[in-house]
Protein backbone atom coordinates (compact mmCIF):
# COMPACT_ATOMS: atom_id res chain seq x y z
CA MET A 1 -54.32 76.97 7.25
CA GLY A 2 -57.78 76.69 8.80
CA LEU A 3 -59.73 78.77 6.27
CA GLU A 4 -63.50 78.37 6.18
CA SER A 5 -65.43 77.55 3.03
CA ASN A 6 -67.88 80.01 1.53
CA GLU A 7 -70.89 77.73 2.07
CA ARG A 8 -72.57 79.99 4.63
CA GLN A 9 -72.07 83.01 2.37
CA GLU A 10 -73.41 80.99 -0.58
CA PHE A 11 -76.54 80.21 1.44
CA LEU A 12 -77.12 83.88 2.28
CA GLY A 13 -76.23 85.06 -1.23
CA ASP A 14 -78.63 82.56 -2.80
CA SER A 15 -81.50 83.89 -0.66
CA LEU A 16 -80.59 87.53 -1.32
CA LEU A 17 -80.28 86.92 -5.05
CA GLY A 18 -83.68 85.24 -5.16
CA ALA A 19 -85.34 88.07 -3.23
CA ILE A 20 -83.72 90.84 -5.30
CA VAL A 21 -84.65 89.19 -8.60
CA ALA A 22 -88.19 88.44 -7.38
CA GLU A 23 -88.69 92.06 -6.33
CA HIS A 24 -87.40 93.33 -9.68
CA LEU A 25 -89.73 91.07 -11.66
CA PHE A 26 -92.69 91.92 -9.43
CA LEU A 27 -92.18 95.66 -9.80
CA ASN A 28 -91.19 95.79 -13.48
CA PHE A 29 -93.26 93.09 -15.19
CA LYS A 30 -96.75 93.72 -13.90
CA THR A 31 -98.51 91.55 -16.47
CA LEU A 32 -96.58 88.38 -15.70
CA SER A 33 -98.38 85.74 -13.66
CA GLU A 34 -96.77 84.15 -10.61
CA GLY A 35 -95.91 81.06 -12.65
CA LYS A 36 -94.28 83.08 -15.43
CA MET A 37 -92.33 85.19 -12.93
CA SER A 38 -91.12 81.98 -11.27
CA LYS A 39 -89.97 80.60 -14.60
CA LEU A 40 -88.13 83.79 -15.54
CA LYS A 41 -86.58 84.06 -12.07
CA ALA A 42 -85.38 80.46 -12.25
CA SER A 43 -83.66 81.15 -15.58
CA LEU A 44 -81.88 84.18 -14.10
CA VAL A 45 -80.60 82.59 -10.89
CA CYS A 46 -79.80 79.10 -12.20
CA GLU A 47 -76.32 77.61 -12.10
CA ASP A 48 -75.78 78.16 -15.84
CA ALA A 49 -76.61 81.87 -15.64
CA LEU A 50 -74.41 82.46 -12.58
CA ASN A 51 -71.59 80.45 -14.15
CA GLU A 52 -71.66 82.78 -17.17
CA ILE A 53 -71.47 85.85 -14.92
CA ALA A 54 -68.51 84.36 -13.02
CA LYS A 55 -66.72 83.64 -16.30
CA GLU A 56 -67.41 87.17 -17.54
CA LEU A 57 -65.87 88.55 -14.33
CA GLY A 58 -62.91 86.12 -14.39
CA ILE A 59 -63.74 84.82 -10.91
CA GLY A 60 -62.15 81.40 -11.45
CA LYS A 61 -58.60 82.72 -11.17
CA TYR A 62 -59.34 84.15 -7.72
CA LEU A 63 -60.77 81.00 -6.13
CA LEU A 64 -58.80 79.47 -3.29
CA LEU A 65 -59.03 75.71 -3.82
CA GLY A 66 -57.75 72.57 -2.19
CA LYS A 67 -55.11 70.55 -4.04
CA GLY A 68 -57.59 67.91 -5.20
CA GLU A 69 -60.10 70.45 -6.45
CA GLU A 70 -57.33 72.35 -8.21
CA LYS A 71 -56.10 69.17 -9.94
CA ASN A 72 -59.61 68.20 -11.01
CA GLY A 73 -60.43 71.46 -12.77
CA GLY A 74 -62.32 73.09 -9.91
CA ARG A 75 -61.34 76.56 -11.08
CA ASN A 76 -63.58 76.10 -14.12
CA ARG A 77 -66.26 73.92 -12.51
CA LYS A 78 -69.70 75.38 -13.14
CA SER A 79 -70.96 74.78 -9.59
CA ASN A 80 -67.90 76.43 -8.02
CA LEU A 81 -68.22 79.48 -10.24
CA ALA A 82 -71.97 79.82 -9.67
CA ASP A 83 -71.52 79.41 -5.91
CA SER A 84 -68.85 82.10 -5.93
CA ILE A 85 -71.33 84.64 -7.34
CA GLU A 86 -73.73 83.86 -4.49
CA ALA A 87 -70.89 84.27 -1.96
CA ILE A 88 -69.93 87.62 -3.51
CA ILE A 89 -73.52 88.87 -3.23
CA ALA A 90 -73.52 87.90 0.46
CA ALA A 91 -70.16 89.61 1.04
CA ILE A 92 -71.42 92.82 -0.60
CA TYR A 93 -74.57 92.68 1.55
CA LEU A 94 -72.66 92.01 4.78
CA ASP A 95 -70.25 94.84 4.02
CA GLY A 96 -72.64 97.50 2.76
CA GLY A 97 -76.25 96.38 3.09
CA ILE A 98 -78.99 95.62 0.63
CA GLU A 99 -78.57 98.61 -1.72
CA PRO A 100 -75.03 97.73 -2.90
CA ALA A 101 -76.16 94.09 -3.27
CA LYS A 102 -79.05 95.29 -5.46
CA VAL A 103 -76.64 97.34 -7.56
CA PHE A 104 -74.42 94.27 -8.15
CA VAL A 105 -77.39 92.03 -9.01
CA GLY A 106 -78.86 94.75 -11.21
CA LYS A 107 -75.63 95.17 -13.13
CA PHE A 108 -74.69 91.53 -13.61
CA VAL A 109 -77.89 89.50 -13.31
CA LEU A 110 -80.72 91.81 -14.32
CA SER A 111 -79.05 94.10 -16.85
CA GLY A 112 -80.15 92.00 -19.81
CA VAL A 113 -83.72 91.40 -18.63
CA LYS A 114 -86.00 93.20 -21.01
CA ALA A 115 -89.57 92.94 -22.14
CA GLN A 116 -88.67 90.24 -24.69
CA ASP A 117 -87.42 88.01 -21.86
CA ALA A 118 -90.77 88.43 -20.16
CA LEU A 119 -92.56 87.67 -23.41
CA ARG A 120 -90.40 84.59 -23.91
CA ALA A 121 -91.27 83.43 -20.41
CA GLU A 122 -94.89 84.19 -21.19
CA SER A 123 -94.95 82.07 -24.32
CA SER A 124 -92.15 79.51 -24.03
CA ASP A 125 -94.56 76.78 -22.99
CA TYR A 126 -96.70 76.83 -26.11
CA LYS A 127 -98.51 73.61 -25.23
CA THR A 128 -99.84 75.10 -22.01
CA SER A 129 -100.68 78.39 -23.73
CA LEU A 130 -102.59 76.56 -26.48
CA GLN A 131 -104.50 74.50 -23.96
CA GLU A 132 -105.43 77.64 -22.00
CA LEU A 133 -106.63 79.37 -25.18
CA ILE A 134 -108.78 76.42 -26.21
CA GLN A 135 -110.23 75.93 -22.74
CA LYS A 136 -111.50 79.49 -22.64
CA THR A 137 -114.35 78.32 -24.89
CA GLU A 138 -114.15 74.53 -24.96
CA ASN A 139 -113.99 71.84 -22.31
CA GLU A 140 -111.65 69.62 -24.30
CA TYR A 141 -107.91 69.24 -24.75
CA PRO A 142 -105.78 69.36 -27.89
CA GLN A 143 -104.22 66.02 -28.88
CA TYR A 144 -100.64 65.54 -30.06
CA GLU A 145 -99.56 62.90 -32.53
CA LEU A 146 -96.08 61.88 -33.61
CA ILE A 147 -96.13 62.03 -37.41
CA SER A 148 -92.61 60.83 -38.18
CA GLU A 149 -89.07 60.41 -36.91
CA SER A 150 -86.00 60.23 -39.08
CA GLY A 151 -82.24 60.22 -38.86
CA PRO A 152 -79.75 58.19 -36.84
CA ASP A 153 -80.41 57.60 -33.14
CA HIS A 154 -78.04 60.37 -32.03
CA GLN A 155 -79.52 62.95 -34.47
CA LYS A 156 -83.19 62.11 -34.77
CA ILE A 157 -85.66 64.64 -36.12
CA PHE A 158 -89.24 64.32 -34.93
CA VAL A 159 -92.35 65.73 -36.58
CA ALA A 160 -95.48 66.14 -34.47
CA ALA A 161 -98.91 67.59 -35.12
CA VAL A 162 -101.53 68.98 -32.77
CA PHE A 163 -105.19 68.24 -33.38
CA PHE A 164 -108.40 69.55 -31.91
CA LYS A 165 -111.73 67.88 -32.68
CA GLY A 166 -110.03 65.94 -35.49
CA LYS A 167 -108.67 69.06 -37.18
CA GLU A 168 -104.93 69.61 -37.51
CA LEU A 169 -104.02 72.95 -35.95
CA GLY A 170 -100.27 72.95 -36.40
CA ARG A 171 -97.20 70.88 -37.17
CA GLY A 172 -93.68 71.15 -35.77
CA ARG A 173 -90.21 69.66 -36.05
CA GLY A 174 -87.64 69.17 -33.33
CA LYS A 175 -84.79 67.14 -31.91
CA SER A 176 -87.18 65.53 -29.43
CA LYS A 177 -90.88 64.69 -29.38
CA LYS A 178 -91.43 67.40 -26.78
CA GLU A 179 -89.69 70.03 -28.92
CA ALA A 180 -91.73 69.00 -31.98
CA GLU A 181 -94.97 69.21 -29.98
CA GLN A 182 -94.00 72.68 -28.66
CA GLU A 183 -93.36 73.84 -32.24
CA ALA A 184 -96.72 72.41 -33.36
CA ALA A 185 -98.48 74.25 -30.52
CA LYS A 186 -96.62 77.46 -31.40
CA GLN A 187 -97.78 77.19 -35.00
CA ALA A 188 -101.36 76.56 -33.86
CA ILE A 189 -101.28 79.68 -31.67
CA GLU A 190 -99.88 81.76 -34.52
CA ARG A 191 -102.49 80.47 -36.98
CA GLN A 192 -105.37 80.68 -34.46
CA ILE A 193 -107.65 78.37 -36.43
CA PHE A 194 -109.16 76.58 -33.42
């Protein structure tokens, strides 16, 4: 049959998507730092996010696949669906230019991006935020300590605490040590007793 794959379109679409999302964040979230914009952008253009858009649009049923890929569930494969969104963005751009591509990205990728997403990106790394707050006035770091772990190996619950100068600032629970430490840092930020 001699049909080409969409890899070249995926490459172009990926670049266009990144640029369109970056421009939107830059223009609409003026208080976000470069690092926070990067984090928010990454969450919007990642494979999981694009896969969800493809599912919402029912793209899987329109994919032209080889026999092996068809047999192995390629129509529902996350990477195939995400790649198809990038290829669609490229096709829209090649057919009509940047404005129609922006409309598509705005409708399907950016439509749910609101101030709370920016705030979540701003504060989702509570450990870094706590450290930055403390280092505004102190030249020391908070310390994290694992307080306990319980439950079977596949369902452990961890409890961690964050200390500064020997004083406990917050305590958190989570399914991993990292998650428990993030919760402890979040509590410390909310209590602001440092």
